Amino acid sequence: MVNITNPECKGVVTTELLKNAVTGVNIIPTALLGLILLYWITVIIGAFDFDFLDIDMDIGADNSGPFYAILAFLNVGELPFMLILSIFILNFWILSMLMYYLPFVAVGGLLNGILLIPAMIISIFITKYETIPLKGIFKYSNMQDNRNDQVTTQLCILMCDVKDGRLGQAKIKRDGASIVINVKSEYDEETFNKDETAFVNRKDTHKDIYYIVKLDI
């Protein structure tokens, strides 16, 4: 076994890791990891949206069986499916690579292939608990999306003058704290004065701007 604490051995360790990753049955988790990396690269460069290849799972009482039980266990429905799948495959790949350090397991051999099954099961449990903290983040994000859906078609009060295509701010009164939004006139010829009431017509999600129009009186 290579002493990884020795700086001179780092190159050897990297070479052995790469060799282990593509030897025999280990090509399976490595190929899966490669596909996931390719997916995220396309998302990062903007070739595809985050939800490309994602699955809209509605897991409820009507869905039964081991497949849906696993999905529910992994928090699918509360978190994006591709995010959970990515974490699961990364865990699966790491456990597969760690088998290299088992003295009785030949790299890429039959026993290595058999041990991939318990490695996959263990990865499910690891993924379950790794994704629990993410539920709060995505829950807040969904609450923000719901708030945005509720803003459109509502009345707002201008907090400043909005004219000549300039950006301004407006507030929408709620039972609790008022919501402050960035607004812009839908039509360049329309001007709005401070404290004037306007109608929120639509939202530009990329710029996070709401477009307002005059009230029909």
C-alpha atoms as a PDB file:
ATOM      1  CA  MET A   1       0.000   0.000   0.000  1.00  0.00           C
ATOM      2  CA  VAL A   2       1.303   3.464  -0.881  1.00  0.00           C
ATOM      3  CA  ASN A   3       2.121   5.937   1.900  1.00  0.00           C
ATOM      4  CA  ILE A   4       0.037   8.945   0.824  1.00  0.00           C
ATOM      5  CA  THR A   5       1.671  11.183   3.462  1.00  0.00           C
ATOM      6  CA  ASN A   6       4.866  11.191   1.399  1.00  0.00           C
ATOM      7  CA  PRO A   7       4.690  14.025  -1.183  1.00  0.00           C
ATOM      8  CA  GLU A   8       6.693  11.940  -3.652  1.00  0.00           C
ATOM      9  CA  CYS A   9       3.940   9.340  -3.631  1.00  0.00           C
ATOM     10  CA  LYS A  10       1.062  11.654  -4.576  1.00  0.00           C
ATOM     11  CA  GLY A  11       1.524  11.012  -8.276  1.00  0.00           C
ATOM     12  CA  VAL A  12       1.555   7.273  -7.684  1.00  0.00           C
ATOM     13  CA  VAL A  13      -1.640   7.466  -5.615  1.00  0.00           C
ATOM     14  CA  THR A  14      -3.378   9.458  -8.352  1.00  0.00           C
ATOM     15  CA  THR A  15      -2.296   6.958 -10.993  1.00  0.00           C
ATOM     16  CA  GLU A  16      -3.488   4.018  -8.898  1.00  0.00           C
ATOM     17  CA  LEU A  17      -6.811   5.749  -8.241  1.00  0.00           C
ATOM     18  CA  LEU A  18      -7.404   6.329 -11.950  1.00  0.00           C
ATOM     19  CA  LYS A  19      -6.423   2.750 -12.721  1.00  0.00           C
ATOM     20  CA  ASN A  20      -8.738   1.454 -10.002  1.00  0.00           C
ATOM     21  CA  ALA A  21     -11.596   3.618 -11.285  1.00  0.00           C
ATOM     22  CA  VAL A  22     -11.582   2.046 -14.750  1.00  0.00           C
ATOM     23  CA  THR A  23     -10.660  -1.541 -13.862  1.00  0.00           C
ATOM     24  CA  GLY A  24     -13.279  -4.275 -14.233  1.00  0.00           C
ATOM     25  CA  VAL A  25     -16.646  -3.618 -12.611  1.00  0.00           C
ATOM     26  CA  ASN A  26     -15.418  -0.296 -11.221  1.00  0.00           C
ATOM     27  CA  ILE A  27     -16.096   1.179 -14.637  1.00  0.00           C
ATOM     28  CA  ILE A  28     -19.809   1.131 -13.714  1.00  0.00           C
ATOM     29  CA  PRO A  29     -19.723   3.711 -10.874  1.00  0.00           C
ATOM     30  CA  THR A  30     -17.041   5.671 -12.758  1.00  0.00           C
ATOM     31  CA  ALA A  31     -19.201   5.877 -15.883  1.00  0.00           C
ATOM     32  CA  LEU A  32     -22.190   6.991 -13.800  1.00  0.00           C
ATOM     33  CA  LEU A  33     -20.070   9.682 -12.152  1.00  0.00           C
ATOM     34  CA  GLY A  34     -18.857  10.802 -15.572  1.00  0.00           C
ATOM     35  CA  LEU A  35     -22.432  11.204 -16.817  1.00  0.00           C
ATOM     36  CA  ILE A  36     -23.352  13.232 -13.730  1.00  0.00           C
ATOM     37  CA  LEU A  37     -20.307  15.488 -14.182  1.00  0.00           C
ATOM     38  CA  LEU A  38     -21.261  15.988 -17.825  1.00  0.00           C
ATOM     39  CA  TYR A  39     -24.781  16.946 -16.754  1.00  0.00           C
ATOM     40  CA  TRP A  40     -23.548  19.580 -14.289  1.00  0.00           C
ATOM     41  CA  ILE A  41     -21.032  20.975 -16.789  1.00  0.00           C
ATOM     42  CA  THR A  42     -23.833  21.552 -19.296  1.00  0.00           C
ATOM     43  CA  VAL A  43     -25.880  23.239 -16.566  1.00  0.00           C
ATOM     44  CA  ILE A  44     -22.975  25.475 -15.495  1.00  0.00           C
ATOM     45  CA  ILE A  45     -22.175  26.648 -19.028  1.00  0.00           C
ATOM     46  CA  GLY A  46     -25.858  27.299 -19.623  1.00  0.00           C
ATOM     47  CA  ALA A  47     -26.428  24.691 -22.324  1.00  0.00           C
ATOM     48  CA  PHE A  48     -29.290  23.274 -20.279  1.00  0.00           C
ATOM     49  CA  ASP A  49     -31.422  24.485 -17.393  1.00  0.00           C
ATOM     50  CA  PHE A  50     -31.003  23.110 -13.876  1.00  0.00           C
ATOM     51  CA  ASP A  51     -34.213  21.102 -14.249  1.00  0.00           C
ATOM     52  CA  PHE A  52     -33.168  19.538 -17.575  1.00  0.00           C
ATOM     53  CA  LEU A  53     -33.569  15.750 -17.239  1.00  0.00           C
ATOM     54  CA  ASP A  54     -35.112  16.355 -13.836  1.00  0.00           C
ATOM     55  CA  ILE A  55     -38.194  14.362 -12.913  1.00  0.00           C
ATOM     56  CA  ASP A  56     -41.325  15.802 -11.386  1.00  0.00           C
ATOM     57  CA  MET A  57     -42.145  13.227  -8.732  1.00  0.00           C
ATOM     58  CA  ASP A  58     -45.495  13.329  -6.990  1.00  0.00           C
ATOM     59  CA  ILE A  59     -45.034  10.775  -4.243  1.00  0.00           C
ATOM     60  CA  GLY A  60     -48.224  10.123  -2.408  1.00  0.00           C
ATOM     61  CA  ALA A  61     -50.516   7.397  -1.209  1.00  0.00           C
ATOM     62  CA  ASP A  62     -51.370   6.357  -4.781  1.00  0.00           C
ATOM     63  CA  ASN A  63     -47.748   5.447  -5.471  1.00  0.00           C
ATOM     64  CA  SER A  64     -46.537   2.226  -3.898  1.00  0.00           C
ATOM     65  CA  GLY A  65     -43.798  -0.310  -4.334  1.00  0.00           C
ATOM     66  CA  PRO A  66     -40.094  -0.438  -3.461  1.00  0.00           C
ATOM     67  CA  PHE A  67     -39.098   2.111  -6.131  1.00  0.00           C
ATOM     68  CA  TYR A  68     -41.376   4.829  -4.753  1.00  0.00           C
ATOM     69  CA  ALA A  69     -40.425   3.849  -1.212  1.00  0.00           C
ATOM     70  CA  ILE A  70     -36.764   4.516  -2.023  1.00  0.00           C
ATOM     71  CA  LEU A  71     -37.626   7.836  -3.676  1.00  0.00           C
ATOM     72  CA  ALA A  72     -39.616   8.921  -0.650  1.00  0.00           C
ATOM     73  CA  PHE A  73     -36.798   7.804   1.663  1.00  0.00           C
ATOM     74  CA  LEU A  74     -34.328   9.921  -0.331  1.00  0.00           C
ATOM     75  CA  ASN A  75     -36.504  13.046   0.005  1.00  0.00           C
ATOM     76  CA  VAL A  76     -37.434  13.111  -3.692  1.00  0.00           C
ATOM     77  CA  GLY A  77     -40.336  15.519  -4.022  1.00  0.00           C
ATOM     78  CA  GLU A  78     -38.789  17.872  -1.479  1.00  0.00           C
ATOM     79  CA  LEU A  79     -35.488  18.150  -3.360  1.00  0.00           C
ATOM     80  CA  PRO A  80     -34.670  18.060  -7.097  1.00  0.00           C
ATOM     81  CA  PHE A  81     -34.282  14.516  -8.333  1.00  0.00           C
ATOM     82  CA  MET A  82     -31.042  15.210 -10.226  1.00  0.00           C
ATOM     83  CA  LEU A  83     -29.438  16.744  -7.140  1.00  0.00           C
ATOM     84  CA  ILE A  84     -30.225  13.652  -5.068  1.00  0.00           C
ATOM     85  CA  LEU A  85     -29.086  11.351  -7.865  1.00  0.00           C
ATOM     86  CA  SER A  86     -25.805  13.261  -8.146  1.00  0.00           C
ATOM     87  CA  ILE A  87     -25.087  12.976  -4.418  1.00  0.00           C
ATOM     88  CA  PHE A  88     -26.003   9.280  -4.440  1.00  0.00           C
ATOM     89  CA  ILE A  89     -23.724   8.472  -7.384  1.00  0.00           C
ATOM     90  CA  LEU A  90     -20.839  10.432  -5.842  1.00  0.00           C
ATOM     91  CA  ASN A  91     -21.230   8.450  -2.603  1.00  0.00           C
ATOM     92  CA  PHE A  92     -21.467   5.206  -4.559  1.00  0.00           C
ATOM     93  CA  TRP A  93     -18.288   6.028  -6.480  1.00  0.00           C
ATOM     94  CA  ILE A  94     -16.348   6.954  -3.315  1.00  0.00           C
ATOM     95  CA  LEU A  95     -17.317   3.707  -1.575  1.00  0.00           C
ATOM     96  CA  SER A  96     -16.387   1.749  -4.695  1.00  0.00           C
ATOM     97  CA  MET A  97     -12.945   3.352  -4.768  1.00  0.00           C
ATOM     98  CA  LEU A  98     -12.390   2.683  -1.051  1.00  0.00           C
ATOM     99  CA  MET A  99     -12.638  -1.054  -1.739  1.00  0.00           C
ATOM    100  CA  TYR A 100      -9.122  -0.746  -3.133  1.00  0.00           C
ATOM    101  CA  TYR A 101      -7.872  -0.660   0.459  1.00  0.00           C
ATOM    102  CA  LEU A 102      -9.557  -3.940   1.388  1.00  0.00           C
ATOM    103  CA  PRO A 103      -6.766  -6.540   1.378  1.00  0.00           C
ATOM    104  CA  PHE A 104      -9.004  -9.445   0.388  1.00  0.00           C
ATOM    105  CA  VAL A 105     -10.657  -7.716  -2.603  1.00  0.00           C
ATOM    106  CA  ALA A 106      -9.074  -7.927  -6.052  1.00  0.00           C
ATOM    107  CA  VAL A 107      -9.564  -4.646  -7.901  1.00  0.00           C
ATOM    108  CA  GLY A 108     -12.306  -5.040 -10.501  1.00  0.00           C
ATOM    109  CA  GLY A 109     -12.774  -8.722  -9.693  1.00  0.00           C
ATOM    110  CA  LEU A 110     -15.847 -10.816  -8.934  1.00  0.00           C
ATOM    111  CA  LEU A 111     -15.865 -10.047  -5.210  1.00  0.00           C
ATOM    112  CA  ASN A 112     -15.419  -6.366  -6.017  1.00  0.00           C
ATOM    113  CA  GLY A 113     -18.516  -6.565  -8.211  1.00  0.00           C
ATOM    114  CA  ILE A 114     -20.552  -8.340  -5.522  1.00  0.00           C
ATOM    115  CA  LEU A 115     -19.566  -5.717  -2.944  1.00  0.00           C
ATOM    116  CA  LEU A 116     -20.928  -2.977  -5.211  1.00  0.00           C
ATOM    117  CA  ILE A 117     -24.418  -4.048  -4.140  1.00  0.00           C
ATOM    118  CA  PRO A 118     -23.960  -3.321  -0.409  1.00  0.00           C
ATOM    119  CA  ALA A 119     -22.001  -0.202  -1.404  1.00  0.00           C
ATOM    120  CA  MET A 120     -25.045   0.976  -3.319  1.00  0.00           C
ATOM    121  CA  ILE A 121     -27.339   0.275  -0.351  1.00  0.00           C
ATOM    122  CA  ILE A 122     -25.024   2.101   2.045  1.00  0.00           C
ATOM    123  CA  SER A 123     -24.908   5.019  -0.400  1.00  0.00           C
ATOM    124  CA  ILE A 124     -28.689   5.311  -0.190  1.00  0.00           C
ATOM    125  CA  PHE A 125     -28.541   5.765   3.583  1.00  0.00           C
ATOM    126  CA  ILE A 126     -25.624   8.204   3.380  1.00  0.00           C
ATOM    127  CA  THR A 127     -27.463  10.239   0.743  1.00  0.00           C
ATOM    128  CA  LYS A 128     -30.592  10.286   2.887  1.00  0.00           C
ATOM    129  CA  TYR A 129     -28.840  11.988   5.798  1.00  0.00           C
ATOM    130  CA  GLU A 130     -26.638  14.209   3.633  1.00  0.00           C
ATOM    131  CA  THR A 131     -29.685  15.727   1.953  1.00  0.00           C
ATOM    132  CA  ILE A 132     -31.650  16.458   5.136  1.00  0.00           C
ATOM    133  CA  PRO A 133     -29.989  19.893   5.659  1.00  0.00           C
ATOM    134  CA  LEU A 134     -30.767  20.792   2.038  1.00  0.00           C
ATOM    135  CA  LYS A 135     -34.504  20.401   2.621  1.00  0.00           C
ATOM    136  CA  GLY A 136     -34.613  23.643   4.604  1.00  0.00           C
ATOM    137  CA  ILE A 137     -32.802  25.532   1.841  1.00  0.00           C
ATOM    138  CA  PHE A 138     -35.127  24.350  -0.906  1.00  0.00           C
ATOM    139  CA  LYS A 139     -38.172  24.837   1.305  1.00  0.00           C
ATOM    140  CA  TYR A 140     -37.205  28.515   1.674  1.00  0.00           C
ATOM    141  CA  SER A 141     -36.632  28.733  -2.082  1.00  0.00           C
ATOM    142  CA  ASN A 142     -40.090  27.294  -2.749  1.00  0.00           C
ATOM    143  CA  MET A 143     -41.588  29.777  -0.297  1.00  0.00           C
ATOM    144  CA  GLN A 144     -39.911  32.576  -2.253  1.00  0.00           C
ATOM    145  CA  ASP A 145     -41.324  31.203  -5.509  1.00  0.00           C
ATOM    146  CA  ASN A 146     -44.801  31.070  -3.969  1.00  0.00           C
ATOM    147  CA  ARG A 147     -44.382  34.627  -2.781  1.00  0.00           C
ATOM    148  CA  ASN A 148     -43.428  35.695  -6.308  1.00  0.00           C
ATOM    149  CA  ASP A 149     -46.492  33.943  -7.704  1.00  0.00           C
ATOM    150  CA  GLN A 150     -48.658  35.854  -5.226  1.00  0.00           C
ATOM    151  CA  VAL A 151     -47.113  39.212  -6.180  1.00  0.00           C
ATOM    152  CA  THR A 152     -48.159  39.087  -9.829  1.00  0.00           C
ATOM    153  CA  THR A 153     -51.630  40.570 -10.510  1.00  0.00           C
ATOM    154  CA  GLN A 154     -51.572  42.377  -7.145  1.00  0.00           C
ATOM    155  CA  LEU A 155     -51.746  46.113  -6.456  1.00  0.00           C
ATOM    156  CA  CYS A 156     -48.608  47.906  -5.316  1.00  0.00           C
ATOM    157  CA  ILE A 157     -47.822  51.370  -3.969  1.00  0.00           C
ATOM    158  CA  LEU A 158     -44.887  53.209  -5.533  1.00  0.00           C
ATOM    159  CA  MET A 159     -42.146  54.218  -3.124  1.00  0.00           C
ATOM    160  CA  CYS A 160     -40.581  56.598  -5.656  1.00  0.00           C
ATOM    161  CA  ASP A 161     -41.236  58.090  -9.085  1.00  0.00           C
ATOM    162  CA  VAL A 162     -40.910  55.638 -11.979  1.00  0.00           C
ATOM    163  CA  LYS A 163     -40.474  57.167 -15.418  1.00  0.00           C
ATOM    164  CA  ASP A 164     -38.295  57.226 -18.542  1.00  0.00           C
ATOM    165  CA  GLY A 165     -37.708  53.477 -18.319  1.00  0.00           C
ATOM    166  CA  ARG A 166     -35.995  53.782 -14.952  1.00  0.00           C
ATOM    167  CA  LEU A 167     -36.105  51.186 -12.230  1.00  0.00           C
ATOM    168  CA  GLY A 168     -37.960  51.913  -8.993  1.00  0.00           C
ATOM    169  CA  GLN A 169     -39.402  50.204  -5.952  1.00  0.00           C
ATOM    170  CA  ALA A 170     -42.902  49.516  -4.749  1.00  0.00           C
ATOM    171  CA  LYS A 171     -44.469  47.783  -1.782  1.00  0.00           C
ATOM    172  CA  ILE A 172     -47.346  45.375  -1.509  1.00  0.00           C
ATOM    173  CA  LYS A 173     -49.278  45.402   1.734  1.00  0.00           C
ATOM    174  CA  ARG A 174     -49.765  42.087   3.483  1.00  0.00           C
ATOM    175  CA  ASP A 175     -51.192  40.968   6.797  1.00  0.00           C
ATOM    176  CA  GLY A 176     -47.639  40.770   8.057  1.00  0.00           C
ATOM    177  CA  ALA A 177     -44.706  42.816   6.790  1.00  0.00           C
ATOM    178  CA  SER A 178     -45.075  44.543   3.430  1.00  0.00           C
ATOM    179  CA  ILE A 179     -43.195  43.097   0.461  1.00  0.00           C
ATOM    180  CA  VAL A 180     -40.809  45.458  -1.338  1.00  0.00           C
ATOM    181  CA  ILE A 181     -40.248  44.703  -5.026  1.00  0.00           C
ATOM    182  CA  ASN A 182     -38.239  46.189  -7.876  1.00  0.00           C
ATOM    183  CA  VAL A 183     -40.551  47.627 -10.512  1.00  0.00           C
ATOM    184  CA  LYS A 184     -40.398  49.123 -13.965  1.00  0.00           C
ATOM    185  CA  SER A 185     -43.068  50.539 -16.235  1.00  0.00           C
ATOM    186  CA  GLU A 186     -44.437  48.049 -18.745  1.00  0.00           C
ATOM    187  CA  TYR A 187     -44.831  50.863 -21.271  1.00  0.00           C
ATOM    188  CA  ASP A 188     -42.172  53.549 -21.679  1.00  0.00           C
ATOM    189  CA  GLU A 189     -44.761  56.281 -22.180  1.00  0.00           C
ATOM    190  CA  GLU A 190     -46.356  55.644 -18.786  1.00  0.00           C
ATOM    191  CA  THR A 191     -44.998  57.443 -15.710  1.00  0.00           C
ATOM    192  CA  PHE A 192     -45.750  56.728 -12.077  1.00  0.00           C
ATOM    193  CA  ASN A 193     -45.514  59.066  -9.110  1.00  0.00           C
ATOM    194  CA  LYS A 194     -44.553  58.279  -5.553  1.00  0.00           C
ATOM    195  CA  ASP A 195     -47.454  56.837  -3.489  1.00  0.00           C
ATOM    196  CA  GLU A 196     -49.400  56.039  -6.666  1.00  0.00           C
ATOM    197  CA  THR A 197     -51.125  52.657  -6.836  1.00  0.00           C
ATOM    198  CA  ALA A 198     -50.253  50.446  -9.808  1.00  0.00           C
ATOM    199  CA  PHE A 199     -51.032  46.947 -11.067  1.00  0.00           C
ATOM    200  CA  VAL A 200     -48.266  44.304 -11.110  1.00  0.00           C
ATOM    201  CA  ASN A 201     -48.566  42.868 -14.592  1.00  0.00           C
ATOM    202  CA  ARG A 202     -45.731  40.350 -14.867  1.00  0.00           C
ATOM    203  CA  LYS A 203     -42.248  39.430 -13.678  1.00  0.00           C
ATOM    204  CA  ASP A 204     -38.943  39.141 -15.485  1.00  0.00           C
ATOM    205  CA  THR A 205     -37.483  36.186 -13.586  1.00  0.00           C
ATOM    206  CA  HIS A 206     -33.980  36.661 -14.990  1.00  0.00           C
ATOM    207  CA  LYS A 207     -33.724  40.299 -13.900  1.00  0.00           C
ATOM    208  CA  ASP A 208     -35.980  39.935 -10.834  1.00  0.00           C
ATOM    209  CA  ILE A 209     -38.051  42.923 -11.955  1.00  0.00           C
ATOM    210  CA  TYR A 210     -41.819  43.307 -11.868  1.00  0.00           C
ATOM    211  CA  TYR A 211     -43.475  45.292 -14.648  1.00  0.00           C
ATOM    212  CA  ILE A 212     -46.352  47.539 -13.639  1.00  0.00           C
ATOM    213  CA  VAL A 213     -49.181  49.211 -15.541  1.00  0.00           C
ATOM    214  CA  LYS A 214     -51.676  51.940 -14.804  1.00  0.00           C
ATOM    215  CA  LEU A 215     -54.956  51.089 -13.144  1.00  0.00           C
ATOM    216  CA  ASP A 216     -58.006  51.256 -15.379  1.00  0.00           C
ATOM    217  CA  ILE A 217     -60.327  53.764 -13.730  1.00  0.00           C
END
